[in-house]
């Protein structure tokens, strides 16, 4: 049996202007039955051909023999080196007939994305931090406004990043925007104003978009959103969560997904530097939104994940198929395009004071006793172990008057970099109580400060970037790790680290990014012979073990093996 494969215009698949068309000259029942096994496939009775996404090419090769390829089927560009890719980028220019005046000149990789989006309406932009994703979103929509008459764009981002996104709009476009913020009545007035006036961008946080789902759907019905942009879409990764909000509405992931599916915009861009932080289920909502996944969540999870008897994800499977699907809908380029030196990371061991060491050993012994033979599970077990991490960070976090060694070492390091070398620094901790304490302790440096409660984090960023009297920024790692540009600093001090490798990388990426003109130095402080060393070893040697400790923002899974290791 001969099976023909060719590339042609899409009919039913929205992720690309082109699809694979697969067919035989004569009816074959075995061929038809195999085609029905493809997760995304449509039969066209007029052409008597099956339509598949371009990403299914490897699966077609795997499942069939006797293939005949008609024309250029595989147009994906492959490069043997970064230099070869950069040489290709240098040849790019706007296609004939495409006229657009960029307000800010795009870098070659940004121009590549712009050109790619001339033929796409749905995409996941997975570029690493620092490659300028926001400009790429905006250039695509601004061109569509000019060329196709698009008028309205819904821009959803994390709550603390709205002001920064507004700044980006002012920098890269000549368009106006409104930010949905403030008390309930004010937010409703802002949406009414957006409806009445010729304002292209509506900026709103994920939480507020979920809260105002009904009002946004009403706007979509009456005026329509031509585009939807989701920045840091990992906010909507927990599809499988059963947790509901206090108002008994579904999880935010389901609300946002339903909202976008109702809007059904002409163009949808989902951006994140870390598309998957935990397991393949992180990708279900994004793949569903761009039209690459038609199964329900549980079929998707069971197809790509190994699941235990409790329904918990413990591993992955069918990775090649998932990579194939992603390759069609996601664009991700190497961070090396920035031409920055790799950050110089120093792991600095410090020895606890005798008092701090005694406190630590007593706490460890007590925790082992508590866990022995008890039915304490999940988050409660992790909370006990986290107490040890708090002691190594600063005994103050466990209501002790004992002075922590890290604080003393930090002050010495800041004297060298800030007072003697005159270079600005960032200080991170995962504990808000610690950053609050350091803010007071290090007040002589006039620190900028960001944590999860900061109302105007962009003002703090501006202080670090532009005020010569602001020598340092102290930040809660999780609140500061995304969207901000902190390139005036070139020293980073991590008092402790997140359980997730991607969080730590993102935090460093605030400094190691476009606009950084000096080498970046990172110092990680850790206490010798403590849980700090265990966490570092897990992060360095086997990052996959972290998924056994942290099962996402809303759930925690701690295996006996990892627990014993952390307490050793």
Protein backbone atom coordinates (compact mmCIF):
# COMPACT_ATOMS: atom_id res chain seq x y z
CA UNK A 1 0.00 0.00 0.00
CA UNK A 2 1.36 3.40 -1.00
CA UNK A 3 0.59 6.33 1.35
CA UNK A 4 0.98 9.85 0.02
CA UNK A 5 1.97 12.75 2.25
CA UNK A 6 1.95 16.39 1.18
CA UNK A 7 1.79 19.83 2.69
CA UNK A 8 -1.15 22.13 1.99
CA UNK A 9 -3.42 24.89 3.34
CA UNK A 10 -5.12 24.12 6.65
CA UNK A 11 -8.88 23.69 6.85
CA UNK A 12 -9.69 22.48 10.34
CA UNK A 13 -6.42 22.91 12.26
CA UNK A 14 -6.00 26.48 13.58
CA UNK A 15 -2.41 26.29 14.78
CA UNK A 16 -0.82 26.93 11.39
CA UNK A 17 -1.65 28.11 7.91
CA UNK A 18 -0.38 24.72 6.65
CA UNK A 19 -1.24 21.11 7.47
CA UNK A 20 -0.15 17.62 6.49
CA UNK A 21 -2.49 15.86 4.07
CA UNK A 22 -2.26 12.05 4.09
CA UNK A 23 -4.12 9.74 1.72
CA UNK A 24 -4.12 6.56 -0.38
CA UNK A 25 -5.40 6.18 -3.93
CA UNK A 26 -7.70 3.33 -2.96
CA UNK A 27 -9.69 2.66 0.20
CA UNK A 28 -7.77 0.64 2.78
CA UNK A 29 -9.45 -0.30 6.06
CA UNK A 30 -6.16 -0.79 7.95
CA UNK A 31 -4.99 2.67 6.87
CA UNK A 32 -8.27 4.25 7.99
CA UNK A 33 -8.15 2.51 11.39
CA UNK A 34 -4.59 3.70 11.97
CA UNK A 35 -5.49 7.25 11.00
CA UNK A 36 -8.29 7.26 13.57
CA UNK A 37 -5.70 6.64 16.30
CA UNK A 38 -4.05 10.03 15.73
CA UNK A 39 -5.10 12.39 18.56
CA UNK A 40 -5.72 15.31 16.14
CA UNK A 41 -7.02 14.37 12.70
CA UNK A 42 -9.83 15.40 10.37
CA UNK A 43 -11.18 13.63 7.29
CA UNK A 44 -12.04 15.80 4.30
CA UNK A 45 -14.71 13.92 2.26
CA UNK A 46 -14.29 16.24 -0.72
CA UNK A 47 -10.55 15.67 -1.04
CA UNK A 48 -10.76 12.14 0.38
CA UNK A 49 -7.69 12.96 2.47
CA UNK A 50 -6.83 13.12 6.15
CA UNK A 51 -5.65 16.42 7.63
CA UNK A 52 -3.02 16.28 10.38
CA UNK A 53 -0.97 18.99 12.15
CA UNK A 54 2.55 19.42 10.78
CA UNK A 55 3.87 18.19 14.13
CA UNK A 56 2.47 14.71 13.34
CA UNK A 57 5.08 14.05 10.65
CA UNK A 58 7.30 11.93 12.90
CA UNK A 59 4.28 9.88 14.01
CA UNK A 60 3.30 9.31 10.37
CA UNK A 61 6.82 8.03 9.67
CA UNK A 62 6.65 5.80 12.75
CA UNK A 63 3.24 4.28 12.00
CA UNK A 64 3.40 3.74 8.24
CA UNK A 65 5.69 2.25 5.63
CA UNK A 66 5.52 2.87 1.91
CA UNK A 67 5.37 6.64 2.29
CA UNK A 68 5.65 8.92 -0.73
CA UNK A 69 6.32 12.58 0.01
CA UNK A 70 4.98 15.00 -2.58
CA UNK A 71 6.73 18.38 -2.64
CA UNK A 72 8.42 19.99 0.36
CA UNK A 73 6.84 18.38 3.40
CA UNK A 74 9.39 19.17 6.09
CA UNK A 75 10.16 22.89 6.02
CA UNK A 76 11.41 23.19 9.60
CA UNK A 77 14.82 24.86 9.59
CA UNK A 78 17.61 22.98 11.31
CA UNK A 79 21.01 24.41 12.17
CA UNK A 80 24.19 22.63 13.16
CA UNK A 81 25.53 25.47 15.32
CA UNK A 82 24.66 28.80 16.86
CA UNK A 83 26.90 30.49 14.29
CA UNK A 84 24.94 28.90 11.44
CA UNK A 85 21.66 30.05 12.97
CA UNK A 86 22.97 33.59 13.48
CA UNK A 87 24.14 33.67 9.85
CA UNK A 88 20.62 32.71 8.80
CA UNK A 89 19.10 35.42 11.02
CA UNK A 90 21.38 38.00 9.41
CA UNK A 91 19.78 37.29 6.01
CA UNK A 92 16.22 38.05 7.15
CA UNK A 93 14.22 41.04 5.97
CA UNK A 94 10.54 41.85 5.66
CA UNK A 95 8.90 39.97 2.78
CA UNK A 96 7.83 41.91 -0.30
CA UNK A 97 4.52 43.67 0.27
CA UNK A 98 4.91 43.83 4.05
CA UNK A 99 5.43 47.43 5.13
CA UNK A 100 5.77 48.22 8.81
CA UNK A 101 7.71 50.88 10.68
CA UNK A 102 8.94 49.42 13.96
CA UNK A 103 9.03 52.05 16.70
CA UNK A 104 12.03 50.29 18.22
CA UNK A 105 14.33 48.36 15.91
CA UNK A 106 13.94 44.57 16.32
CA UNK A 107 16.88 42.26 16.87
CA UNK A 108 17.27 39.56 14.19
CA UNK A 109 15.53 36.89 16.29
CA UNK A 110 12.64 39.30 16.98
CA UNK A 111 12.31 39.94 13.26
CA UNK A 112 12.27 36.17 12.72
CA UNK A 113 9.29 35.86 15.08
CA UNK A 114 7.52 38.76 13.35
CA UNK A 115 7.94 37.12 9.94
CA UNK A 116 6.84 33.73 11.31
CA UNK A 117 3.67 35.30 12.71
CA UNK A 118 2.66 36.57 9.26
CA UNK A 119 1.47 33.01 8.68
CA UNK A 120 0.30 32.02 12.15
CA UNK A 121 -2.62 32.93 14.38
CA UNK A 122 -1.79 30.78 17.43
CA UNK A 123 1.64 30.33 19.00
CA UNK A 124 3.51 29.57 22.20
CA UNK A 125 6.58 31.81 22.55
CA UNK A 126 8.97 29.97 24.83
CA UNK A 127 12.10 32.11 24.48
CA UNK A 128 14.30 32.20 27.62
CA UNK A 129 14.24 35.36 29.77
CA UNK A 130 16.05 38.31 28.29
CA UNK A 131 15.24 37.88 24.59
CA UNK A 132 12.53 40.55 24.57
CA UNK A 133 9.26 38.60 24.33
CA UNK A 134 7.04 41.60 25.16
CA UNK A 135 8.29 43.61 22.18
CA UNK A 136 7.58 40.62 19.96
CA UNK A 137 3.95 40.39 21.18
CA UNK A 138 3.44 44.09 20.58
CA UNK A 139 5.03 44.26 17.13
CA UNK A 140 2.78 41.46 15.88
CA UNK A 141 -0.41 43.13 17.13
CA UNK A 142 0.63 46.60 15.94
CA UNK A 143 1.22 45.24 12.43
CA UNK A 144 -2.17 43.54 12.45
CA UNK A 145 -3.75 46.84 13.48
CA UNK A 146 -2.15 48.51 10.49
CA UNK A 147 -2.59 45.75 7.91
CA UNK A 148 -5.88 44.10 8.97
CA UNK A 149 -7.65 46.75 11.02
CA UNK A 150 -7.40 44.99 14.37
CA UNK A 151 -8.57 47.26 17.20
CA UNK A 152 -8.59 45.57 20.59
CA UNK A 153 -6.12 43.38 22.49
CA UNK A 154 -6.61 41.76 25.89
CA UNK A 155 -3.23 41.53 27.62
CA UNK A 156 -3.23 39.20 30.65
CA UNK A 157 -0.16 39.14 32.90
CA UNK A 158 0.81 38.60 36.52
CA UNK A 159 -0.53 41.16 38.97
CA UNK A 160 2.78 42.80 39.85
CA UNK A 161 3.79 43.14 36.19
CA UNK A 162 0.96 45.30 34.84
CA UNK A 163 2.84 48.58 35.26
CA UNK A 164 5.94 47.10 33.65
CA UNK A 165 3.87 45.91 30.68
CA UNK A 166 2.44 49.41 30.38
CA UNK A 167 5.96 50.77 30.24
CA UNK A 168 6.80 48.29 27.49
CA UNK A 169 3.76 49.43 25.48
CA UNK A 170 4.91 53.06 25.78
CA UNK A 171 8.44 52.07 24.72
CA UNK A 172 7.62 49.92 21.68
CA UNK A 173 4.34 51.42 20.38
CA UNK A 174 2.49 54.71 20.02
CA UNK A 175 -0.71 53.15 21.33
CA UNK A 176 -2.69 53.80 24.50
CA UNK A 177 -3.64 51.28 27.16
CA UNK A 178 -5.74 50.93 30.28
CA UNK A 179 -4.89 48.89 33.38
CA UNK A 180 -7.75 47.16 35.20
CA UNK A 181 -6.91 47.85 38.83
CA UNK A 182 -8.29 49.30 42.06
CA UNK A 183 -11.62 48.70 43.84
CA UNK A 184 -14.46 46.84 42.12
CA UNK A 185 -16.34 49.94 40.94
CA UNK A 186 -13.18 51.51 39.55
CA UNK A 187 -12.33 48.34 37.63
CA UNK A 188 -15.81 48.29 36.07
CA UNK A 189 -15.48 51.98 35.11
CA UNK A 190 -12.12 51.22 33.43
CA UNK A 191 -13.70 48.44 31.35
CA UNK A 192 -16.59 50.74 30.37
CA UNK A 193 -14.08 53.38 29.29
CA UNK A 194 -12.19 50.77 27.27
CA UNK A 195 -15.46 49.86 25.52
CA UNK A 196 -16.31 53.49 24.68
CA UNK A 197 -12.92 54.83 23.62
CA UNK A 198 -10.38 54.02 20.93
CA UNK A 199 -7.81 52.40 23.24
CA UNK A 200 -6.08 49.28 21.85
CA UNK A 201 -4.73 47.50 24.96
CA UNK A 202 -6.52 46.36 28.10
CA UNK A 203 -4.05 45.15 30.75
CA UNK A 204 -5.39 42.88 33.46
CA UNK A 205 -3.97 40.34 35.91
CA UNK A 206 -4.86 36.66 35.80
CA UNK A 207 -6.74 36.95 39.10
CA UNK A 208 -8.78 39.94 37.93
CA UNK A 209 -9.46 38.34 34.54
CA UNK A 210 -10.88 35.30 36.33
CA UNK A 211 -12.87 37.53 38.71
CA UNK A 212 -14.28 39.58 35.82
CA UNK A 213 -14.76 36.61 33.49
CA UNK A 214 -18.42 37.55 32.94
CA UNK A 215 -17.62 41.19 32.14
CA UNK A 216 -14.79 40.30 29.76
CA UNK A 217 -17.02 37.83 27.94
CA UNK A 218 -19.61 40.59 27.62
CA UNK A 219 -16.96 42.89 26.11
CA UNK A 220 -15.99 40.10 23.72
CA UNK A 221 -19.61 39.70 22.57
CA UNK A 222 -20.27 43.42 22.10
CA UNK A 223 -17.02 44.70 20.59
CA UNK A 224 -14.71 41.66 20.31
CA UNK A 225 -11.06 41.19 21.18
CA UNK A 226 -8.98 40.78 18.05
CA UNK A 227 -5.99 39.52 20.04
CA UNK A 228 -5.28 37.92 23.39
CA UNK A 229 -1.75 37.91 24.83
CA UNK A 230 -0.89 35.81 27.89
CA UNK A 231 2.44 36.71 29.47
CA UNK A 232 3.98 34.12 31.82
CA UNK A 233 1.21 31.65 31.05
CA UNK A 234 2.55 29.20 33.65
CA UNK A 235 -0.02 30.93 35.86
CA UNK A 236 -2.58 28.63 34.20
CA UNK A 237 -0.79 25.29 34.50
CA UNK A 238 -2.75 23.57 37.31
CA UNK A 239 -5.68 22.23 35.31
CA UNK A 240 -5.92 19.13 37.47
CA UNK A 241 -6.33 21.10 40.71
CA UNK A 242 -9.61 20.57 42.53
CA UNK A 243 -9.08 23.67 44.65
CA UNK A 244 -11.84 26.22 44.27
CA UNK A 245 -11.88 29.85 45.21
CA UNK A 246 -13.85 31.20 48.17
CA UNK A 247 -16.69 32.17 45.80
CA UNK A 248 -16.88 28.48 44.74
CA UNK A 249 -15.76 29.24 41.19
CA UNK A 250 -13.45 26.80 39.37
CA UNK A 251 -9.68 26.99 39.51
CA UNK A 252 -8.20 30.05 37.77
CA UNK A 253 -6.66 27.86 35.04
CA UNK A 254 -10.09 26.62 33.95
CA UNK A 255 -11.62 30.09 34.17
CA UNK A 256 -8.95 31.73 32.02
CA UNK A 257 -9.04 28.90 29.48
CA UNK A 258 -12.83 29.11 29.20
CA UNK A 259 -12.61 32.89 28.85
CA UNK A 260 -10.15 32.72 25.96
CA UNK A 261 -12.08 29.94 24.23
CA UNK A 262 -15.21 32.11 24.45
CA UNK A 263 -13.37 35.18 23.09
CA UNK A 264 -11.84 33.08 20.26
CA UNK A 265 -9.50 35.88 19.18
CA UNK A 266 -8.06 36.29 15.69
CA UNK A 267 -4.59 35.98 17.18
CA UNK A 268 -3.43 34.32 20.41
CA UNK A 269 0.12 34.51 21.78
CA UNK A 270 1.16 32.68 24.95
CA UNK A 271 4.58 33.60 26.33
CA UNK A 272 6.80 32.13 29.04
CA UNK A 273 10.50 31.59 29.54
CA UNK A 274 9.74 28.36 31.41
CA UNK A 275 6.84 26.65 29.57
CA UNK A 276 7.12 23.48 31.68
CA UNK A 277 8.38 23.55 35.26
CA UNK A 278 7.02 20.30 36.67
CA UNK A 279 5.59 17.68 34.29
CA UNK A 280 3.71 17.50 30.95
CA UNK A 281 0.40 18.47 32.59
CA UNK A 282 1.76 22.03 32.77
CA UNK A 283 1.28 22.13 29.01
CA UNK A 284 -2.32 20.95 28.80
CA UNK A 285 -4.05 24.35 28.94
CA UNK A 286 -1.56 26.10 26.58
CA UNK A 287 -1.74 23.27 24.03
CA UNK A 288 -5.52 23.23 24.26
CA UNK A 289 -5.71 26.99 23.74
CA UNK A 290 -3.55 26.97 20.61
CA UNK A 291 -5.61 24.11 19.18
CA UNK A 292 -2.93 21.42 19.40
CA UNK A 293 -4.71 19.27 22.01
CA UNK A 294 -8.27 17.99 21.65
CA UNK A 295 -8.35 15.35 24.38
CA UNK A 296 -9.74 16.05 27.83
CA UNK A 297 -7.28 16.66 30.65
CA UNK A 298 -7.31 13.12 32.03
CA UNK A 299 -6.74 11.47 28.64
CA UNK A 300 -3.85 13.90 28.06
CA UNK A 301 -2.36 13.24 31.50
CA UNK A 302 -2.63 9.46 31.18
CA UNK A 303 -1.11 9.55 27.69
CA UNK A 304 1.98 11.60 28.60
CA UNK A 305 2.43 10.89 32.33
CA UNK A 306 3.07 7.89 34.53
CA UNK A 307 0.42 8.01 37.26
CA UNK A 308 0.35 6.14 40.55
CA UNK A 309 -2.72 4.55 42.17
CA UNK A 310 -3.57 7.88 43.85
CA UNK A 311 -3.64 9.71 40.52
CA UNK A 312 -0.35 11.52 41.18
CA UNK A 313 2.11 12.11 38.35
CA UNK A 314 5.34 10.20 39.02
CA UNK A 315 7.00 10.27 35.61
CA UNK A 316 6.59 10.89 31.88
CA UNK A 317 6.05 8.80 28.77
CA UNK A 318 5.57 9.32 25.03
CA UNK A 319 8.07 12.19 25.20
CA UNK A 320 8.87 12.10 21.48
CA UNK A 321 5.22 12.63 20.62
CA UNK A 322 4.95 15.56 23.05
CA UNK A 323 8.12 17.13 21.64
CA UNK A 324 6.72 16.69 18.14
CA UNK A 325 3.48 18.47 19.07
CA UNK A 326 5.37 21.29 20.79
CA UNK A 327 7.72 21.76 17.85
CA UNK A 328 4.78 22.78 15.69
CA UNK A 329 3.19 25.31 18.04
CA UNK A 330 6.13 26.64 20.09
CA UNK A 331 8.96 28.95 19.08
CA UNK A 332 11.98 28.88 21.40
CA UNK A 333 15.42 30.28 20.62
CA UNK A 334 18.71 29.92 22.56
CA UNK A 335 19.63 32.50 25.20
CA UNK A 336 23.15 32.57 23.75
CA UNK A 337 21.77 35.02 21.17
CA UNK A 338 22.16 37.72 23.83
CA UNK A 339 25.95 37.36 23.62
CA UNK A 340 26.28 37.69 27.37
CA UNK A 341 28.91 36.00 29.46
CA UNK A 342 27.55 33.18 31.57
CA UNK A 343 26.98 34.40 35.15
CA UNK A 344 29.84 33.55 37.44
CA UNK A 345 28.24 31.51 40.20
CA UNK A 346 30.07 30.97 43.49
CA UNK A 347 28.70 28.58 46.10
CA UNK A 348 30.00 30.01 49.35
CA UNK A 349 29.98 27.66 52.38
CA UNK A 350 29.54 29.32 55.75
CA UNK A 351 29.82 27.75 59.17
CA UNK A 352 27.00 28.36 61.60
CA UNK A 353 27.77 29.95 64.94
CA UNK A 354 27.82 27.43 67.83
CA UNK A 355 24.46 28.75 69.08
CA UNK A 356 22.88 28.48 65.63
CA UNK A 357 24.32 24.96 65.17
CA UNK A 358 22.87 23.80 68.49
CA UNK A 359 19.48 25.23 67.55
CA UNK A 360 19.64 23.45 64.20
CA UNK A 361 20.60 20.05 65.64
CA UNK A 362 17.92 20.25 68.32
CA UNK A 363 15.30 21.12 65.70
CA UNK A 364 16.44 18.29 63.41
CA UNK A 365 16.27 15.77 66.24
CA UNK A 366 12.80 16.97 67.23
CA UNK A 367 11.52 16.81 63.63
CA UNK A 368 12.80 13.26 63.21
CA UNK A 369 10.97 12.26 66.38
CA UNK A 370 7.77 13.95 65.19
CA UNK A 371 7.89 12.19 61.84
CA UNK A 372 8.71 8.78 63.28
CA UNK A 373 5.66 6.56 63.27
CA UNK A 374 3.20 9.41 62.62
CA UNK A 375 0.60 9.90 59.92
CA UNK A 376 1.70 13.45 59.10
CA UNK A 377 1.47 13.80 55.31
CA UNK A 378 2.24 16.08 52.39
CA UNK A 379 2.51 19.77 53.12
CA UNK A 380 2.69 19.23 56.89
CA UNK A 381 5.80 17.07 56.56
CA UNK A 382 7.40 19.60 54.23
CA UNK A 383 6.55 22.43 56.64
CA UNK A 384 8.48 20.65 59.39
CA UNK A 385 11.51 20.17 57.14
CA UNK A 386 11.26 23.77 55.93
CA UNK A 387 11.82 24.82 59.53
CA UNK A 388 15.41 23.59 59.17
CA UNK A 389 15.90 25.75 56.08
CA UNK A 390 14.58 28.74 57.99
CA UNK A 391 17.11 28.19 60.76
CA UNK A 392 19.99 28.17 58.28
CA UNK A 393 18.66 31.33 56.62
CA UNK A 394 18.10 33.22 59.88
CA UNK A 395 17.03 31.85 63.29
CA UNK A 396 14.80 34.93 63.52
CA UNK A 397 12.40 33.06 61.21
CA UNK A 398 11.71 30.50 63.96
CA UNK A 399 11.33 33.16 66.69
CA UNK A 400 14.88 32.85 68.02
CA UNK A 401 17.12 35.71 69.18
CA UNK A 402 20.23 33.87 67.97
CA UNK A 403 22.11 35.72 65.23
CA UNK A 404 22.40 33.97 61.88
CA UNK A 405 25.76 33.65 60.14
CA UNK A 406 24.43 34.43 56.65
CA UNK A 407 23.34 37.91 57.62
CA UNK A 408 26.82 38.67 58.96
CA UNK A 409 28.55 37.33 55.81
CA UNK A 410 26.11 39.23 53.57
CA UNK A 411 27.02 42.52 55.23
CA UNK A 412 30.71 41.86 54.61
CA UNK A 413 30.08 41.02 50.94
CA UNK A 414 28.00 44.16 50.40
CA UNK A 415 30.76 46.28 51.89
CA UNK A 416 33.10 44.94 49.21
CA UNK A 417 30.79 45.24 46.19
CA UNK A 418 28.73 48.32 47.07
CA UNK A 419 30.92 50.48 49.29
CA UNK A 420 34.34 49.64 47.88
CA UNK A 421 33.64 48.71 44.24
CA UNK A 422 30.63 51.01 43.85
CA UNK A 423 28.53 48.33 42.06
CA UNK A 424 24.85 47.69 42.72
CA UNK A 425 23.59 44.38 44.10
CA UNK A 426 20.44 42.25 44.38
CA UNK A 427 19.68 40.28 47.56
CA UNK A 428 17.16 37.43 47.27
CA UNK A 429 15.44 35.27 49.85
CA UNK A 430 12.44 32.97 49.50
CA UNK A 431 11.11 34.19 52.88
CA UNK A 432 9.26 37.50 52.99
CA UNK A 433 9.94 37.87 56.72
CA UNK A 434 13.67 37.69 55.98
CA UNK A 435 13.55 40.29 53.21
CA UNK A 436 11.56 42.61 55.49
CA UNK A 437 14.20 42.20 58.20
CA UNK A 438 17.07 42.81 55.76
CA UNK A 439 15.33 45.93 54.48
CA UNK A 440 15.63 47.44 57.95
CA UNK A 441 19.08 46.03 58.64
CA UNK A 442 20.54 47.35 55.36
CA UNK A 443 18.77 50.71 55.33
CA UNK A 444 22.08 52.56 54.88
CA UNK A 445 22.10 51.39 51.26
CA UNK A 446 18.69 53.02 50.61
CA UNK A 447 17.39 49.69 49.30
CA UNK A 448 14.65 49.25 46.73
CA UNK A 449 12.31 46.53 47.92
CA UNK A 450 9.88 44.06 46.31
CA UNK A 451 7.80 41.32 47.88
CA UNK A 452 4.42 39.78 47.14
CA UNK A 453 2.61 42.66 48.85
CA UNK A 454 4.37 45.51 47.00
CA UNK A 455 1.77 47.78 45.41
CA UNK A 456 4.13 49.57 43.00
CA UNK A 457 7.05 47.24 42.28
CA UNK A 458 7.95 49.17 39.11
CA UNK A 459 8.71 52.22 41.24
CA UNK A 460 11.22 50.10 43.14
CA UNK A 461 12.73 48.83 39.88
CA UNK A 462 13.06 52.43 38.65
CA UNK A 463 14.82 53.38 41.88
CA UNK A 464 17.42 50.67 41.39
CA UNK A 465 17.85 51.44 37.70
CA UNK A 466 17.97 55.23 37.88
CA UNK A 467 18.65 56.48 41.42
CA UNK A 468 22.40 56.58 42.20
CA UNK A 469 21.61 56.65 45.92
CA UNK A 470 19.79 53.30 45.75
CA UNK A 471 22.62 50.82 46.03
CA UNK A 472 20.76 47.52 46.37
CA UNK A 473 17.42 45.84 45.75
CA UNK A 474 16.12 43.36 48.31
CA UNK A 475 13.54 41.03 46.86
CA UNK A 476 11.41 38.06 47.71
CA UNK A 477 12.71 35.62 45.09
CA UNK A 478 9.28 34.42 43.96
CA UNK A 479 7.89 37.96 43.68
CA UNK A 480 10.88 39.35 41.78
CA UNK A 481 11.85 36.51 39.46
CA UNK A 482 9.73 37.47 36.43
CA UNK A 483 9.28 40.42 34.03
CA UNK A 484 11.53 42.94 35.79
CA UNK A 485 14.78 44.27 34.32
CA UNK A 486 17.48 44.85 36.97
CA UNK A 487 20.52 45.35 34.79
CA UNK A 488 21.97 48.25 36.80
CA UNK A 489 23.06 45.61 39.30
CA UNK A 490 25.68 43.02 38.45
CA UNK A 491 25.97 41.21 41.80
CA UNK A 492 23.36 38.75 43.12
CA UNK A 493 23.30 37.27 46.62
CA UNK A 494 21.03 34.28 47.24
CA UNK A 495 20.47 33.82 50.97
CA UNK A 496 18.53 30.67 50.14
CA UNK A 497 17.09 29.07 47.02
CA UNK A 498 13.74 27.91 45.69
CA UNK A 499 13.08 24.18 45.46
CA UNK A 500 12.56 24.69 41.70
CA UNK A 501 15.58 25.14 39.45
CA UNK A 502 13.54 27.29 37.05
CA UNK A 503 12.69 29.81 39.80
CA UNK A 504 16.36 30.36 40.63
CA UNK A 505 17.29 30.68 36.97
CA UNK A 506 14.51 33.21 36.38
CA UNK A 507 15.66 35.29 39.36
CA UNK A 508 19.23 35.41 38.02
CA UNK A 509 17.76 36.24 34.60
CA UNK A 510 16.46 39.58 35.93
CA UNK A 511 20.08 40.76 35.97
CA UNK A 512 21.61 38.54 33.27
CA UNK A 513 19.60 39.89 30.35
CA UNK A 514 19.43 42.40 27.50
CA UNK A 515 21.07 45.66 28.54
CA UNK A 516 23.58 44.08 30.93
CA UNK A 517 27.02 45.48 30.08
CA UNK A 518 29.14 43.92 32.85
CA UNK A 519 29.91 40.39 34.03
CA UNK A 520 27.29 39.11 36.46
CA UNK A 521 28.50 37.59 39.73
CA UNK A 522 26.19 35.30 41.72
CA UNK A 523 26.95 34.20 45.28
CA UNK A 524 24.89 31.41 46.85
CA UNK A 525 25.29 31.25 50.62
CA UNK A 526 24.82 27.85 52.24
CA UNK A 527 25.51 26.48 55.71
CA UNK A 528 27.91 23.56 55.83
CA UNK A 529 26.68 20.12 56.97
CA UNK A 530 23.02 21.17 56.88
CA UNK A 531 19.92 20.79 54.75
CA UNK A 532 21.31 23.63 52.60
CA UNK A 533 23.91 21.26 51.18
CA UNK A 534 21.27 18.60 50.48
CA UNK A 535 19.07 21.06 48.58
CA UNK A 536 22.03 22.28 46.53
CA UNK A 537 23.03 18.72 45.67
CA UNK A 538 19.51 17.96 44.47
CA UNK A 539 19.39 21.16 42.42
CA UNK A 540 22.83 20.60 40.92
CA UNK A 541 22.96 16.84 40.36
CA UNK A 542 19.40 15.72 39.78
CA UNK A 543 16.88 18.50 39.30
CA UNK A 544 14.20 15.95 38.45
CA UNK A 545 14.09 14.91 42.10
CA UNK A 546 12.58 18.31 42.88
CA UNK A 547 9.32 17.10 41.35
CA UNK A 548 9.20 14.55 44.16
CA UNK A 549 9.42 17.32 46.72
CA UNK A 550 7.26 19.97 45.06
CA UNK A 551 4.23 18.97 43.02
CA UNK A 552 3.38 22.52 42.00
CA UNK A 553 2.28 25.66 43.74
CA UNK A 554 -0.82 24.10 45.25
CA UNK A 555 0.31 20.60 46.19
CA UNK A 556 3.34 19.03 47.80
CA UNK A 557 4.66 15.50 47.44
CA UNK A 558 7.51 14.35 49.64
CA UNK A 559 8.88 10.85 49.19
CA UNK A 560 10.43 8.94 52.09
CA UNK A 561 13.71 8.69 50.15
CA UNK A 562 14.04 12.45 49.67
CA UNK A 563 12.81 13.18 53.19
CA UNK A 564 15.47 10.94 54.74
CA UNK A 565 18.10 12.54 52.50
CA UNK A 566 17.15 16.08 53.54
CA UNK A 567 17.24 15.13 57.21
CA UNK A 568 20.54 13.23 57.00
